[in-house]
Amino acid sequence: MQDALAVITVVVVGVMVGVEFAVAVFVNPILDRLPDDGALAARGAGARVLGRVMPFWYIGSMTLGAVWVVMARGDDGLPFVVTGALLLVVSVMMSAVLLVPVGSRVAARPQGGAPEDRKERVGRRDRLHHVRVGVIVLASTLFAVALTR
């Protein structure tokens, strides 16, 4: 049972990392090449879609990590699982406190005209997103290491 849980956790977190990495490294830079209104409209649409899915994915990943911690008591990989699970908690906190408020403003933006501070807001959000991606990449890596122990 623990082995199945570990594999499911690695897959679920790994796919989440892939989505977040793709958004950070490929999708957002492509969208930023669109004219201001187009870029904001596309980011808003993306924020609305991902804003519905990602909370469940993040919390589900964090829950899988927590259950793995409980089941891995006494295993060689426990320190890796604990650290990975804690990093997922950090990523959820970062999302709730730092990223969701900015994403909600982008998703709720009225049509027409870009706000004057658009570049600063988007730049700040992207920098925070890159940090969060780094956090979940590290968590995923630690889970993969734990799986092999």
N, C-alpha and C. Protein backbone atom coordinates (compact mmCIF):
# COMPACT_ATOMS: atom_id res chain seq x y z
N MET A 1 0.82 -1.20 0.00
CA MET A 1 0.00 0.00 0.00
C MET A 1 0.86 1.26 0.00
N GLN A 2 1.91 1.26 0.83
CA GLN A 2 2.78 2.43 0.90
C GLN A 2 3.49 2.66 -0.44
N ASP A 3 3.90 1.59 -1.10
CA ASP A 3 4.56 1.74 -2.39
C ASP A 3 3.62 2.38 -3.42
N ALA A 4 2.37 1.94 -3.43
CA ALA A 4 1.40 2.51 -4.36
C ALA A 4 1.18 3.99 -4.06
N LEU A 5 1.05 4.31 -2.78
CA LEU A 5 0.89 5.71 -2.37
C LEU A 5 2.08 6.55 -2.83
N ALA A 6 3.28 6.01 -2.64
CA ALA A 6 4.49 6.75 -3.03
C ALA A 6 4.51 7.01 -4.53
N VAL A 7 4.17 5.99 -5.32
CA VAL A 7 4.16 6.16 -6.78
C VAL A 7 3.09 7.18 -7.19
N ILE A 8 1.90 7.06 -6.62
CA ILE A 8 0.83 8.01 -6.94
C ILE A 8 1.25 9.44 -6.58
N THR A 9 1.87 9.60 -5.42
CA THR A 9 2.32 10.93 -4.99
C THR A 9 3.35 11.50 -5.96
N VAL A 10 4.32 10.68 -6.34
CA VAL A 10 5.36 11.15 -7.27
C VAL A 10 4.74 11.54 -8.61
N VAL A 11 3.79 10.76 -9.09
CA VAL A 11 3.16 11.06 -10.38
C VAL A 11 2.31 12.33 -10.29
N VAL A 12 1.47 12.43 -9.27
CA VAL A 12 0.58 13.59 -9.14
C VAL A 12 1.39 14.88 -8.97
N VAL A 13 2.39 14.84 -8.09
CA VAL A 13 3.23 16.03 -7.88
C VAL A 13 4.07 16.31 -9.14
N GLY A 14 4.57 15.27 -9.77
CA GLY A 14 5.39 15.45 -10.98
C GLY A 14 4.62 16.10 -12.11
N VAL A 15 3.39 15.67 -12.32
CA VAL A 15 2.57 16.27 -13.37
C VAL A 15 2.25 17.73 -13.03
N MET A 16 1.96 17.99 -11.75
CA MET A 16 1.70 19.36 -11.32
C MET A 16 2.93 20.24 -11.60
N VAL A 17 4.10 19.71 -11.29
CA VAL A 17 5.34 20.45 -11.57
C VAL A 17 5.45 20.74 -13.06
N GLY A 18 5.13 19.74 -13.88
CA GLY A 18 5.20 19.93 -15.33
C GLY A 18 4.30 21.04 -15.82
N VAL A 19 3.08 21.09 -15.30
CA VAL A 19 2.14 22.14 -15.69
C VAL A 19 2.67 23.51 -15.27
N GLU A 20 3.08 23.62 -14.00
CA GLU A 20 3.56 24.91 -13.49
C GLU A 20 4.84 25.35 -14.20
N PHE A 21 5.72 24.40 -14.48
CA PHE A 21 6.96 24.72 -15.19
C PHE A 21 6.64 25.22 -16.60
N ALA A 22 5.73 24.52 -17.29
CA ALA A 22 5.36 24.93 -18.65
C ALA A 22 4.76 26.33 -18.67
N VAL A 23 3.91 26.62 -17.69
CA VAL A 23 3.31 27.96 -17.61
C VAL A 23 4.40 29.01 -17.40
N ALA A 24 5.31 28.73 -16.47
CA ALA A 24 6.36 29.72 -16.13
C ALA A 24 7.35 29.93 -17.26
N VAL A 25 7.76 28.86 -17.90
CA VAL A 25 8.87 28.94 -18.85
C VAL A 25 8.41 29.12 -20.30
N PHE A 26 7.23 28.61 -20.64
CA PHE A 26 6.80 28.67 -22.04
C PHE A 26 5.54 29.52 -22.25
N VAL A 27 4.48 29.23 -21.53
CA VAL A 27 3.20 29.87 -21.81
C VAL A 27 3.24 31.37 -21.53
N ASN A 28 3.63 31.76 -20.32
CA ASN A 28 3.63 33.19 -20.00
C ASN A 28 4.55 34.01 -20.90
N PRO A 29 5.78 33.56 -21.20
CA PRO A 29 6.59 34.35 -22.14
C PRO A 29 5.96 34.47 -23.53
N ILE A 30 5.27 33.43 -23.98
CA ILE A 30 4.59 33.51 -25.28
C ILE A 30 3.45 34.53 -25.20
N LEU A 31 2.67 34.46 -24.13
CA LEU A 31 1.55 35.40 -23.98
C LEU A 31 2.06 36.84 -23.89
N ASP A 32 3.21 37.02 -23.26
CA ASP A 32 3.74 38.38 -23.10
C ASP A 32 4.15 39.01 -24.43
N ARG A 33 4.25 38.22 -25.47
CA ARG A 33 4.59 38.76 -26.79
C ARG A 33 3.36 39.30 -27.52
N LEU A 34 2.18 39.01 -26.98
CA LEU A 34 0.95 39.54 -27.56
C LEU A 34 0.82 41.02 -27.20
N PRO A 35 0.06 41.76 -27.97
CA PRO A 35 -0.20 43.16 -27.58
C PRO A 35 -0.84 43.18 -26.20
N ASP A 36 -0.69 44.30 -25.48
CA ASP A 36 -1.12 44.40 -24.08
C ASP A 36 -2.50 43.83 -23.81
N ASP A 37 -3.49 44.25 -24.57
CA ASP A 37 -4.83 43.75 -24.31
C ASP A 37 -4.91 42.25 -24.54
N GLY A 38 -4.25 41.75 -25.57
CA GLY A 38 -4.25 40.32 -25.86
C GLY A 38 -3.55 39.53 -24.77
N ALA A 39 -2.43 40.03 -24.31
CA ALA A 39 -1.68 39.34 -23.26
C ALA A 39 -2.48 39.29 -21.98
N LEU A 40 -3.10 40.40 -21.61
CA LEU A 40 -3.90 40.43 -20.39
C LEU A 40 -5.13 39.54 -20.51
N ALA A 41 -5.78 39.55 -21.66
CA ALA A 41 -6.97 38.71 -21.85
C ALA A 41 -6.58 37.23 -21.76
N ALA A 42 -5.47 36.87 -22.38
CA ALA A 42 -5.02 35.47 -22.35
C ALA A 42 -4.60 35.06 -20.94
N ARG A 43 -3.88 35.92 -20.25
CA ARG A 43 -3.49 35.62 -18.86
C ARG A 43 -4.73 35.51 -17.98
N GLY A 44 -5.71 36.36 -18.20
CA GLY A 44 -6.94 36.30 -17.42
C GLY A 44 -7.68 34.99 -17.66
N ALA A 45 -7.76 34.57 -18.92
CA ALA A 45 -8.42 33.30 -19.23
C ALA A 45 -7.66 32.14 -18.57
N GLY A 46 -6.35 32.17 -18.64
CA GLY A 46 -5.55 31.14 -18.00
C GLY A 46 -5.71 31.13 -16.50
N ALA A 47 -5.77 32.30 -15.91
CA ALA A 47 -5.94 32.41 -14.45
C ALA A 47 -7.30 31.86 -14.03
N ARG A 48 -8.32 32.09 -14.85
CA ARG A 48 -9.65 31.56 -14.50
C ARG A 48 -9.67 30.03 -14.58
N VAL A 49 -9.10 29.46 -15.63
CA VAL A 49 -9.09 28.00 -15.79
C VAL A 49 -8.23 27.34 -14.72
N LEU A 50 -6.99 27.78 -14.59
CA LEU A 50 -6.09 27.17 -13.61
C LEU A 50 -6.52 27.48 -12.19
N GLY A 51 -7.18 28.61 -11.99
CA GLY A 51 -7.67 28.97 -10.67
C GLY A 51 -8.75 28.02 -10.15
N ARG A 52 -9.43 27.33 -11.07
CA ARG A 52 -10.42 26.34 -10.67
C ARG A 52 -9.79 24.99 -10.36
N VAL A 53 -8.71 24.66 -11.03
CA VAL A 53 -8.11 23.32 -10.93
C VAL A 53 -6.98 23.25 -9.92
N MET A 54 -6.10 24.22 -9.95
CA MET A 54 -4.86 24.12 -9.17
C MET A 54 -5.06 24.06 -7.66
N PRO A 55 -6.04 24.72 -7.07
CA PRO A 55 -6.19 24.57 -5.61
C PRO A 55 -6.39 23.11 -5.19
N PHE A 56 -7.22 22.39 -5.95
CA PHE A 56 -7.44 20.98 -5.64
C PHE A 56 -6.17 20.16 -5.85
N TRP A 57 -5.43 20.49 -6.91
CA TRP A 57 -4.21 19.77 -7.23
C TRP A 57 -3.15 20.01 -6.15
N TYR A 58 -2.98 21.25 -5.74
CA TYR A 58 -1.99 21.57 -4.70
C TYR A 58 -2.37 20.93 -3.37
N ILE A 59 -3.62 21.08 -2.98
CA ILE A 59 -4.04 20.53 -1.69
C ILE A 59 -4.05 19.01 -1.73
N GLY A 60 -4.45 18.44 -2.86
CA GLY A 60 -4.38 16.98 -3.02
C GLY A 60 -2.95 16.47 -2.93
N SER A 61 -2.02 17.18 -3.57
CA SER A 61 -0.61 16.80 -3.51
C SER A 61 -0.07 16.89 -2.09
N MET A 62 -0.44 17.96 -1.42
CA MET A 62 0.00 18.16 -0.04
C MET A 62 -0.57 17.05 0.86
N THR A 63 -1.82 16.68 0.63
CA THR A 63 -2.45 15.61 1.41
C THR A 63 -1.77 14.27 1.15
N LEU A 64 -1.49 13.97 -0.11
CA LEU A 64 -0.77 12.73 -0.43
C LEU A 64 0.59 12.71 0.27
N GLY A 65 1.29 13.84 0.26
CA GLY A 65 2.58 13.92 0.95
C GLY A 65 2.44 13.69 2.44
N ALA A 66 1.41 14.26 3.04
CA ALA A 66 1.19 14.09 4.48
C ALA A 66 0.87 12.64 4.84
N VAL A 67 0.05 12.00 4.01
CA VAL A 67 -0.28 10.59 4.27
C VAL A 67 0.97 9.73 4.11
N TRP A 68 1.79 10.05 3.12
CA TRP A 68 3.04 9.31 2.92
C TRP A 68 3.94 9.47 4.14
N VAL A 69 4.00 10.66 4.70
CA VAL A 69 4.81 10.89 5.91
C VAL A 69 4.37 9.94 7.01
N VAL A 70 3.06 9.85 7.22
CA VAL A 70 2.53 8.99 8.29
C VAL A 70 2.87 7.52 8.01
N MET A 71 2.75 7.13 6.75
CA MET A 71 2.99 5.72 6.42
C MET A 71 4.46 5.35 6.35
N ALA A 72 5.34 6.33 6.22
CA ALA A 72 6.76 6.06 6.02
C ALA A 72 7.56 6.04 7.32
N ARG A 73 6.91 6.06 8.45
CA ARG A 73 7.62 6.05 9.74
C ARG A 73 8.62 4.91 9.77
N GLY A 74 9.87 5.25 10.10
CA GLY A 74 10.93 4.25 10.21
C GLY A 74 11.62 3.90 8.90
N ASP A 75 11.15 4.42 7.77
CA ASP A 75 11.78 4.14 6.48
C ASP A 75 13.01 5.03 6.28
N ASP A 76 13.94 4.54 5.46
CA ASP A 76 15.14 5.32 5.14
C ASP A 76 14.81 6.64 4.43
N GLY A 77 13.74 6.65 3.65
CA GLY A 77 13.38 7.84 2.89
C GLY A 77 12.55 8.85 3.65
N LEU A 78 12.25 8.59 4.92
CA LEU A 78 11.37 9.48 5.68
C LEU A 78 11.83 10.95 5.67
N PRO A 79 13.12 11.24 5.88
CA PRO A 79 13.52 12.66 5.86
C PRO A 79 13.22 13.35 4.52
N PHE A 80 13.33 12.60 3.43
CA PHE A 80 13.04 13.18 2.11
C PHE A 80 11.54 13.44 1.95
N VAL A 81 10.73 12.50 2.44
CA VAL A 81 9.28 12.64 2.36
C VAL A 81 8.81 13.81 3.22
N VAL A 82 9.33 13.90 4.43
CA VAL A 82 8.94 14.99 5.33
C VAL A 82 9.31 16.34 4.72
N THR A 83 10.52 16.45 4.21
CA THR A 83 10.96 17.72 3.62
C THR A 83 10.14 18.06 2.38
N GLY A 84 9.87 17.07 1.54
CA GLY A 84 9.04 17.30 0.35
C GLY A 84 7.64 17.75 0.73
N ALA A 85 7.06 17.10 1.74
CA ALA A 85 5.71 17.47 2.19
C ALA A 85 5.69 18.89 2.76
N LEU A 86 6.71 19.24 3.52
CA LEU A 86 6.79 20.60 4.08
C LEU A 86 6.94 21.64 2.96
N LEU A 87 7.70 21.30 1.94
CA LEU A 87 7.83 22.23 0.80
C LEU A 87 6.49 22.42 0.09
N LEU A 88 5.68 21.37 0.03
CA LEU A 88 4.36 21.54 -0.56
C LEU A 88 3.48 22.44 0.29
N VAL A 89 3.62 22.35 1.61
CA VAL A 89 2.90 23.27 2.50
C VAL A 89 3.34 24.71 2.22
N VAL A 90 4.64 24.91 2.06
CA VAL A 90 5.17 26.24 1.73
C VAL A 90 4.58 26.73 0.40
N SER A 91 4.50 25.84 -0.59
CA SER A 91 3.97 26.25 -1.89
C SER A 91 2.50 26.65 -1.80
N VAL A 92 1.73 25.93 -0.99
CA VAL A 92 0.32 26.28 -0.81
C VAL A 92 0.19 27.63 -0.10
N MET A 93 1.02 27.85 0.91
CA MET A 93 1.00 29.13 1.62
C MET A 93 1.40 30.27 0.68
N MET A 94 2.44 30.05 -0.13
CA MET A 94 2.85 31.06 -1.11
C MET A 94 1.70 31.38 -2.05
N SER A 95 1.02 30.34 -2.50
CA SER A 95 -0.09 30.53 -3.43
C SER A 95 -1.18 31.37 -2.80
N ALA A 96 -1.60 30.98 -1.60
CA ALA A 96 -2.72 31.67 -0.95
C ALA A 96 -2.40 33.11 -0.59
N VAL A 97 -1.19 33.34 -0.12
CA VAL A 97 -0.84 34.66 0.39
C VAL A 97 -0.30 35.59 -0.70
N LEU A 98 0.49 35.05 -1.62
CA LEU A 98 1.19 35.91 -2.58
C LEU A 98 0.65 35.85 -4.00
N LEU A 99 0.35 34.66 -4.50
CA LEU A 99 0.04 34.52 -5.92
C LEU A 99 -1.45 34.62 -6.24
N VAL A 100 -2.30 34.03 -5.44
CA VAL A 100 -3.74 34.05 -5.73
C VAL A 100 -4.29 35.48 -5.76
N PRO A 101 -3.93 36.36 -4.83
CA PRO A 101 -4.48 37.72 -4.92
C PRO A 101 -4.15 38.42 -6.25
N VAL A 102 -2.93 38.25 -6.73
CA VAL A 102 -2.56 38.87 -8.01
C VAL A 102 -3.30 38.19 -9.15
N GLY A 103 -3.34 36.85 -9.13
CA GLY A 103 -4.04 36.11 -10.18
C GLY A 103 -5.52 36.43 -10.22
N SER A 104 -6.12 36.64 -9.07
CA SER A 104 -7.55 36.99 -9.02
C SER A 104 -7.80 38.35 -9.64
N ARG A 105 -6.88 39.29 -9.41
CA ARG A 105 -7.03 40.62 -10.03
C ARG A 105 -6.91 40.52 -11.54
N VAL A 106 -6.00 39.66 -12.02
CA VAL A 106 -5.84 39.49 -13.46
C VAL A 106 -7.09 38.84 -14.05
N ALA A 107 -7.59 37.79 -13.39
CA ALA A 107 -8.76 37.07 -13.90
C ALA A 107 -10.00 37.94 -13.91
N ALA A 108 -10.13 38.86 -12.96
CA ALA A 108 -11.32 39.70 -12.84
C ALA A 108 -11.19 41.02 -13.58
N ARG A 109 -10.11 41.21 -14.29
CA ARG A 109 -9.87 42.48 -14.99
C ARG A 109 -10.98 42.77 -15.98
N PRO A 110 -11.52 43.97 -15.93
CA PRO A 110 -12.55 44.33 -16.90
C PRO A 110 -11.95 44.42 -18.30
N GLN A 111 -12.78 44.21 -19.29
CA GLN A 111 -12.32 44.25 -20.68
C GLN A 111 -11.92 45.67 -21.08
N GLY A 112 -10.88 45.73 -21.90
CA GLY A 112 -10.48 47.01 -22.47
C GLY A 112 -9.48 47.76 -21.63
N GLY A 113 -8.37 48.07 -22.22
CA GLY A 113 -7.36 48.89 -21.57
C GLY A 113 -6.56 48.15 -20.52
N ALA A 114 -5.27 48.30 -20.62
CA ALA A 114 -4.37 47.67 -19.64
C ALA A 114 -4.12 48.65 -18.50
N PRO A 115 -4.11 48.16 -17.26
CA PRO A 115 -3.78 49.07 -16.15
C PRO A 115 -2.36 49.61 -16.31
N GLU A 116 -2.13 50.79 -15.77
CA GLU A 116 -0.82 51.42 -15.94
C GLU A 116 0.31 50.60 -15.33
N ASP A 117 0.06 49.94 -14.22
CA ASP A 117 1.12 49.19 -13.56
C ASP A 117 1.14 47.71 -13.96
N ARG A 118 0.59 47.39 -15.11
CA ARG A 118 0.49 46.02 -15.58
C ARG A 118 1.82 45.30 -15.58
N LYS A 119 2.82 45.90 -16.15
CA LYS A 119 4.13 45.24 -16.25
C LYS A 119 4.73 44.94 -14.88
N GLU A 120 4.56 45.86 -13.95
CA GLU A 120 5.09 45.64 -12.60
C GLU A 120 4.35 44.49 -11.91
N ARG A 121 3.00 44.50 -12.02
CA ARG A 121 2.20 43.43 -11.40
C ARG A 121 2.54 42.07 -12.00
N VAL A 122 2.56 42.01 -13.32
CA VAL A 122 2.83 40.75 -14.00
C VAL A 122 4.26 40.29 -13.70
N GLY A 123 5.20 41.22 -13.70
CA GLY A 123 6.58 40.86 -13.39
C GLY A 123 6.73 40.31 -11.98
N ARG A 124 6.07 40.96 -11.03
CA ARG A 124 6.12 40.48 -9.63
C ARG A 124 5.49 39.11 -9.52
N ARG A 125 4.34 38.92 -10.13
CA ARG A 125 3.65 37.64 -10.08
C ARG A 125 4.51 36.55 -10.73
N ASP A 126 5.14 36.86 -11.85
CA ASP A 126 5.98 35.86 -12.52
C ASP A 126 7.20 35.49 -11.68
N ARG A 127 7.81 36.47 -11.03
CA ARG A 127 8.96 36.17 -10.16
C ARG A 127 8.55 35.26 -9.00
N LEU A 128 7.42 35.57 -8.39
CA LEU A 128 6.91 34.74 -7.31
C LEU A 128 6.56 33.33 -7.82
N HIS A 129 5.99 33.28 -9.01
CA HIS A 129 5.64 31.99 -9.60
C HIS A 129 6.90 31.16 -9.85
N HIS A 130 7.96 31.79 -10.32
CA HIS A 130 9.22 31.06 -10.54
C HIS A 130 9.76 30.49 -9.23
N VAL A 131 9.66 31.26 -8.16
CA VAL A 131 10.11 30.76 -6.85
C VAL A 131 9.25 29.56 -6.44
N ARG A 132 7.94 29.68 -6.61
CA ARG A 132 7.05 28.56 -6.25
C ARG A 132 7.36 27.33 -7.11
N VAL A 133 7.63 27.52 -8.37
CA VAL A 133 7.99 26.38 -9.23
C VAL A 133 9.27 25.73 -8.70
N GLY A 134 10.24 26.53 -8.29
CA GLY A 134 11.45 25.96 -7.70
C GLY A 134 11.17 25.14 -6.46
N VAL A 135 10.25 25.64 -5.64
CA VAL A 135 9.88 24.93 -4.41
C VAL A 135 9.23 23.59 -4.74
N ILE A 136 8.31 23.55 -5.69
CA ILE A 136 7.64 22.28 -5.99
C ILE A 136 8.54 21.34 -6.79
N VAL A 137 9.47 21.88 -7.58
CA VAL A 137 10.45 21.01 -8.24
C VAL A 137 11.30 20.30 -7.19
N LEU A 138 11.74 21.04 -6.19
CA LEU A 138 12.53 20.44 -5.12
C LEU A 138 11.70 19.39 -4.36
N ALA A 139 10.45 19.70 -4.07
CA ALA A 139 9.57 18.73 -3.39
C ALA A 139 9.43 17.46 -4.21
N SER A 140 9.18 17.62 -5.50
CA SER A 140 9.04 16.47 -6.38
C SER A 140 10.32 15.64 -6.43
N THR A 141 11.45 16.31 -6.49
CA THR A 141 12.75 15.63 -6.51
C THR A 141 12.95 14.83 -5.23
N LEU A 142 12.62 15.43 -4.10
CA LEU A 142 12.79 14.72 -2.81
C LEU A 142 11.86 13.52 -2.74
N PHE A 143 10.64 13.63 -3.25
CA PHE A 143 9.74 12.49 -3.28
C PHE A 143 10.29 11.37 -4.16
N ALA A 144 10.87 11.74 -5.30
CA ALA A 144 11.45 10.73 -6.19
C ALA A 144 12.62 10.03 -5.53
N VAL A 145 13.44 10.79 -4.82
CA VAL A 145 14.57 10.19 -4.09
C VAL A 145 14.04 9.24 -3.02
N ALA A 146 13.02 9.66 -2.29
CA ALA A 146 12.43 8.81 -1.24
C ALA A 146 11.88 7.52 -1.82
N LEU A 147 11.31 7.61 -3.01
CA LEU A 147 10.73 6.43 -3.66
C LEU A 147 11.80 5.39 -3.97
N THR A 148 12.99 5.84 -4.23
CA THR A 148 14.07 4.90 -4.60
C THR A 148 14.80 4.32 -3.40
N ARG A 149 14.50 4.77 -2.19
CA ARG A 149 15.20 4.27 -0.99
C ARG A 149 14.54 3.07 -0.41
